Amino acid sequence: MIINDMTDYQLVKFLLNKEYMLQKDLSDKLNAYTGKNTKPANFSAKLKREYLTFKDLKNICEILGYDLHINKRK
């Protein structure tokens, strides 16, 4: 799947829908995984502002069971 045209929010929502998971549940799992205590509303705001870091995205993919691959265009 090519995600170049997706925003952070669209990508995370797509993955959540694919895994039948709520955004709040992902926020809770991220807190447990990282040891942080971010409120679901703050996580939601971060997504909507498109303020995810690459580390955040890696953690989300790890929690949801996805790998990140980078391929050179042909």
Protein backbone atom coordinates (compact mmCIF):
# COMPACT_ATOMS: atom_id res chain seq x y z
CA MET A 1 0.00 0.00 0.00
CA ILE A 2 1.34 3.43 -0.90
CA ILE A 3 0.77 5.96 1.87
CA ASN A 4 2.51 8.99 0.36
CA ASP A 5 -0.77 10.85 -0.16
CA MET A 6 -2.23 10.09 3.27
CA THR A 7 -2.06 12.38 6.28
CA ASP A 8 -0.97 11.03 9.67
CA TYR A 9 -4.59 11.07 10.77
CA GLN A 10 -5.83 9.20 7.70
CA LEU A 11 -3.13 6.56 8.02
CA VAL A 12 -3.74 5.87 11.70
CA LYS A 13 -7.53 5.83 11.20
CA PHE A 14 -7.09 3.40 8.28
CA LEU A 15 -4.97 1.07 10.43
CA LEU A 16 -7.36 1.31 13.36
CA ASN A 17 -10.34 0.46 11.14
CA LYS A 18 -8.43 -2.46 9.68
CA GLU A 19 -7.73 -3.79 13.18
CA TYR A 20 -11.21 -2.98 14.59
CA MET A 21 -9.64 -0.86 17.32
CA LEU A 22 -10.76 2.43 18.83
CA GLN A 23 -8.46 5.42 18.96
CA LYS A 24 -8.81 5.46 22.77
CA ASP A 25 -7.65 1.83 22.95
CA LEU A 26 -4.61 2.66 20.82
CA SER A 27 -3.85 5.61 23.08
CA ASP A 28 -4.02 3.34 26.14
CA LYS A 29 -1.76 0.75 24.50
CA LEU A 30 0.71 3.46 23.48
CA ASN A 31 0.83 4.66 27.08
CA ALA A 32 1.53 1.15 28.33
CA TYR A 33 4.13 0.55 25.59
CA THR A 34 6.02 3.82 26.08
CA GLY A 35 5.46 4.28 29.80
CA LYS A 36 3.95 7.71 29.23
CA ASN A 37 0.61 8.97 30.50
CA THR A 38 -0.88 10.83 27.55
CA LYS A 39 -4.62 11.42 27.70
CA PRO A 40 -6.69 10.13 24.76
CA ALA A 41 -7.82 13.70 23.98
CA ASN A 42 -4.20 14.83 23.66
CA PHE A 43 -3.41 11.88 21.40
CA SER A 44 -6.44 12.71 19.27
CA ALA A 45 -5.37 16.36 19.00
CA LYS A 46 -1.85 15.28 18.03
CA LEU A 47 -3.31 13.18 15.20
CA LYS A 48 -5.62 15.91 13.96
CA ARG A 49 -2.80 18.49 13.96
CA GLU A 50 -0.67 15.99 12.03
CA TYR A 51 2.03 16.20 14.67
CA LEU A 52 3.08 12.53 14.84
CA THR A 53 6.78 11.88 15.02
CA PHE A 54 8.40 8.99 13.20
CA LYS A 55 8.94 7.38 16.60
CA ASP A 56 5.20 7.66 17.30
CA LEU A 57 4.43 6.02 13.97
CA LYS A 58 6.91 3.21 14.64
CA ASN A 59 5.32 2.59 18.04
CA ILE A 60 1.82 2.56 16.54
CA CYS A 61 2.89 0.08 13.87
CA GLU A 62 4.55 -2.11 16.50
CA ILE A 63 1.41 -2.15 18.65
CA LEU A 64 -0.87 -2.90 15.70
CA GLY A 65 1.48 -5.54 14.28
CA TYR A 66 2.62 -3.76 11.11
CA ASP A 67 6.08 -3.29 9.58
CA LEU A 68 7.32 -0.14 7.92
CA HIS A 69 9.08 -0.62 4.59
CA ILE A 70 10.73 1.96 2.38
CA ASN A 71 11.09 1.11 -1.28
CA LYS A 72 12.88 3.11 -3.95
CA ARG A 73 10.53 4.19 -6.73
CA LYS A 74 11.09 2.69 -10.12
